[in-house]
Amino acid sequence: MRKDTRRRPSAHRLNICVCLFACVFLLQAYWTAATAAGEVPRLAVFNFELLDTSLEGETAGKNEAEQTRLVLISDLLRQMITESKRYEVVDIGPLSERIAEAGYLRSCNGCDARFARDLGADQSLTGVVQKVSNLILNINLYLRDAGSGDLLKVMSADIRSNSDQSWSRGVSWLVRNRLLK
């Protein structure tokens, strides 16, 4: 009598599951080792800019509360990214004069990538708050490779209400659900 040498389907599935588990385990170990060794990407996080397309747009930059909110959410963004330990946030201070001279980073043809590269960062992150009205605003984040200047990720959140709380919630949501996901 001849012995059946074919694998049973259940044993084959078990082998596949074991291999998948081993791969996941090895990837997790690699990520943990890379993080422990400080091999996380270096990220230059630039300050948010306001793009006011509302009917109040002619007074852009003159609303003190909105200017304060830009600082608030820029600081919140850096804090959340730093706490995540998924990136090493680099200080953009040494290039503050050059950054100011460039004007709006959203329209400088990728100069943020050049600034990030000059700061020793691997990637750059810029943000724009577009004010459509006092009720409707969009918060946009742009993650760019510092070497090539290519966009890696574009993230956006719509918020309702022009307040500290709504701007902070929008940025928090983007970081948790888009940038770090």
Foldseek 3Di string as FASTA:
>chain_A
DDDDPDDDPVVVVVVVVVVVVVVVVVVVVVVVVCLVVVVAFEEEEDFEAEAEPAPCRVCPPVPPQVVVLSVVLSVVLVVVVVVVSNYHYFDLVVCVVVVVVCPDCVPNLLVQLVSCVVRVGQKYKYWYWYDHDQFKIKIKIWIAGSPPSHTPDIDMDIFTHDHSVRSNVRSVCCVVPPVVD
